[in-house]
Amino acid sequence: MEMVDISEKNVSERAAVVEGVIYLKPQVLKLIAGKKIPKGDVLEAARLAGILAAKKTPELIPLCHPIPLEFAGLEFSLKKDRIIILTTIKGSAKTGMEMEALTATSIAALTIYDMCKPLDKDIVISKIRLLKKTGGKSGTYIRNSNSKILPTKSGSRFIGKISK
């Protein structure tokens, strides 16, 4: 095993957008929306946990390059039986932001799970996947909505713009 050599790559503006879904009982979602979960504000805790996780990704994933993050944002969309997490990571670096966005989404989902587990033993974390990446030699990637890999029924869409 070895870390990939990126020393010859150029720094470019990069971004990654990742989506994740966490399924919960509707009554628990109502408590989350009303900020009535005993441990506190679930979505703000998950947002903070996700941002902190993005910053610590190279400490968690072996051989992952430490890169400077210039933006980390998480948005939550509450549906009848699920929360859709949308994470955007941006920065200028020699390598992509995908691992940071995937890590942020995963830790945000785990934080929601942790805060809600006393009220719902059937929580499911699902469909964590890259929606879009920009920058670097390979350019822009946008997940095809017709993809047979982990299709979504959430109806969620990419929110906002990513430059380049």
Protein backbone atom coordinates (compact mmCIF):
# COMPACT_ATOMS: atom_id res chain seq x y z
CA MET A 1 0.00 0.00 0.00
CA GLU A 2 1.12 3.51 -0.67
CA MET A 3 -0.22 7.01 -0.92
CA VAL A 4 -0.85 8.11 -4.52
CA ASP A 5 1.78 10.61 -5.71
CA ILE A 6 0.01 13.85 -6.60
CA SER A 7 3.12 16.03 -6.51
CA GLU A 8 3.05 16.62 -10.29
CA LYS A 9 -0.66 17.51 -10.40
CA ASN A 10 -1.86 21.09 -10.67
CA VAL A 11 -3.92 22.78 -8.01
CA SER A 12 -7.43 23.48 -9.27
CA GLU A 13 -10.78 24.53 -7.85
CA ARG A 14 -12.61 21.37 -6.89
CA ALA A 15 -15.96 20.49 -5.39
CA ALA A 16 -17.97 17.41 -4.51
CA VAL A 17 -21.66 16.97 -3.74
CA VAL A 18 -22.81 13.85 -1.91
CA GLU A 19 -26.27 12.70 -0.92
CA GLY A 20 -27.25 10.34 1.87
CA VAL A 21 -30.60 9.16 3.17
CA ILE A 22 -31.56 8.11 6.68
CA TYR A 23 -34.93 6.45 7.23
CA LEU A 24 -36.76 7.03 10.53
CA LYS A 25 -40.25 6.60 11.89
CA PRO A 26 -42.56 9.51 10.99
CA GLN A 27 -43.18 10.31 14.67
CA VAL A 28 -39.43 10.67 15.24
CA LEU A 29 -39.13 12.97 12.23
CA LYS A 30 -41.85 15.16 13.76
CA LEU A 31 -39.83 15.36 16.99
CA ILE A 32 -36.70 16.29 15.00
CA ALA A 33 -38.60 19.00 13.11
CA GLY A 34 -39.96 20.37 16.39
CA LYS A 35 -36.51 20.21 18.04
CA LYS A 36 -37.96 17.94 20.73
CA ILE A 37 -35.41 15.11 20.72
CA PRO A 38 -34.09 14.76 24.30
CA LYS A 39 -30.41 15.14 23.28
CA GLY A 40 -31.10 18.47 21.51
CA ASP A 41 -31.21 19.90 17.99
CA VAL A 42 -30.49 16.85 15.84
CA LEU A 43 -29.92 18.63 12.54
CA GLU A 44 -27.54 21.25 13.93
CA ALA A 45 -25.57 18.55 15.74
CA ALA A 46 -25.42 16.53 12.50
CA ARG A 47 -24.34 19.60 10.50
CA LEU A 48 -21.52 20.36 12.93
CA ALA A 49 -20.44 16.70 13.09
CA GLY A 50 -20.37 16.52 9.29
CA ILE A 51 -18.23 19.63 8.95
CA LEU A 52 -15.81 18.40 11.62
CA ALA A 53 -15.65 14.98 9.93
CA ALA A 54 -14.82 16.53 6.56
CA LYS A 55 -11.90 18.35 8.15
CA LYS A 56 -10.64 15.13 9.78
CA THR A 57 -11.03 12.81 6.78
CA PRO A 58 -7.28 12.16 6.30
CA GLU A 59 -7.09 11.07 9.95
CA LEU A 60 -9.88 8.53 9.38
CA ILE A 61 -9.23 7.14 5.88
CA PRO A 62 -5.82 5.49 5.40
CA LEU A 63 -3.69 7.08 2.67
CA CYS A 64 -6.17 9.91 2.08
CA HIS A 65 -4.37 13.17 1.28
CA PRO A 66 -4.85 16.09 3.66
CA ILE A 67 -6.33 18.91 1.60
CA PRO A 68 -7.37 22.47 2.45
CA LEU A 69 -11.14 22.84 2.59
CA GLU A 70 -12.59 26.23 1.76
CA PHE A 71 -16.25 25.34 2.26
CA ALA A 72 -18.18 22.53 3.91
CA GLY A 73 -21.95 22.72 3.97
CA LEU A 74 -24.70 20.26 4.83
CA GLU A 75 -28.39 20.69 4.04
CA PHE A 76 -31.20 18.51 5.37
CA SER A 77 -34.54 17.84 3.75
CA LEU A 78 -37.16 16.19 5.96
CA LYS A 79 -39.65 13.91 4.21
CA LYS A 80 -42.43 11.72 5.64
CA ASP A 81 -40.14 8.77 6.49
CA ARG A 82 -36.60 10.00 5.87
CA ILE A 83 -34.05 12.78 5.99
CA ILE A 84 -32.06 13.54 2.86
CA ILE A 85 -28.58 14.86 3.60
CA LEU A 86 -26.89 16.94 0.90
CA THR A 87 -23.23 17.76 1.48
CA THR A 88 -21.12 20.18 -0.55
CA ILE A 89 -17.36 20.46 -0.09
CA LYS A 90 -15.21 23.00 -1.99
CA GLY A 91 -11.54 23.91 -2.10
CA SER A 92 -8.44 24.35 -4.23
CA ALA A 93 -6.21 21.29 -4.21
CA LYS A 94 -4.30 18.72 -6.28
CA THR A 95 -6.85 16.00 -5.55
CA GLY A 96 -10.62 15.77 -5.25
CA MET A 97 -13.02 16.48 -2.42
CA GLU A 98 -15.11 13.30 -2.72
CA MET A 99 -13.76 11.53 0.35
CA GLU A 100 -14.39 14.58 2.52
CA ALA A 101 -17.97 14.88 1.25
CA LEU A 102 -18.63 11.15 1.70
CA THR A 103 -17.16 11.22 5.21
CA ALA A 104 -19.16 14.31 6.19
CA THR A 105 -22.41 12.75 4.96
CA SER A 106 -21.70 9.46 6.73
CA ILE A 107 -20.88 11.08 10.06
CA ALA A 108 -23.90 13.39 9.83
CA ALA A 109 -26.10 10.32 9.30
CA LEU A 110 -24.45 8.51 12.21
CA THR A 111 -25.01 11.55 14.42
CA ILE A 112 -28.72 11.54 13.56
CA TYR A 113 -28.78 7.81 14.31
CA ASP A 114 -27.07 8.30 17.68
CA MET A 115 -29.39 11.08 18.78
CA CYS A 116 -32.55 9.23 17.73
CA LYS A 117 -31.74 5.59 18.59
CA PRO A 118 -33.58 5.66 21.94
CA LEU A 119 -36.79 6.52 20.04
CA ASP A 120 -36.38 4.34 16.95
CA LYS A 121 -34.57 1.00 16.76
CA ASP A 122 -35.34 0.59 13.03
CA ILE A 123 -33.26 3.50 11.68
CA VAL A 124 -31.60 2.77 8.34
CA ILE A 125 -28.73 4.74 6.81
CA SER A 126 -28.79 4.33 3.04
CA LYS A 127 -27.86 5.60 -0.42
CA ILE A 128 -24.71 7.54 0.39
CA ARG A 129 -23.38 8.42 -3.05
CA LEU A 130 -21.52 11.00 -5.07
CA LEU A 131 -23.87 13.21 -7.08
CA LYS A 132 -21.38 15.61 -8.63
CA LYS A 133 -17.69 16.45 -8.67
CA THR A 134 -15.85 19.21 -10.46
CA GLY A 135 -12.24 20.16 -11.10
CA GLY A 136 -9.04 18.33 -11.83
CA LYS A 137 -7.86 16.44 -14.87
CA SER A 138 -11.00 14.29 -15.15
CA GLY A 139 -13.27 17.36 -15.18
CA THR A 140 -16.92 17.30 -14.19
CA TYR A 141 -18.87 14.20 -13.21
CA ILE A 142 -22.62 14.29 -12.66
CA ARG A 143 -24.46 11.13 -11.60
CA ASN A 144 -26.94 10.07 -14.23
CA SER A 145 -30.41 10.11 -12.68
CA ASN A 146 -31.19 6.96 -14.70
CA SER A 147 -28.23 5.12 -13.16
CA LYS A 148 -29.01 1.59 -12.05
CA ILE A 149 -26.47 1.92 -9.25
CA LEU A 150 -28.30 2.89 -6.06
CA PRO A 151 -31.31 4.55 -7.71
CA THR A 152 -33.06 7.18 -5.61
CA LYS A 153 -36.75 7.53 -5.06
CA SER A 154 -36.24 10.56 -2.84
CA GLY A 155 -36.99 13.10 -5.53
CA SER A 156 -34.06 15.16 -4.28
CA ARG A 157 -32.09 17.26 -6.70
CA PHE A 158 -28.73 18.97 -6.68
CA ILE A 159 -29.16 22.33 -4.94
CA GLY A 160 -26.98 25.29 -5.82
CA LYS A 161 -24.12 25.77 -8.22
CA ILE A 162 -20.59 24.52 -8.23
CA SER A 163 -18.15 26.60 -10.20
CA LYS A 164 -16.22 24.82 -12.95
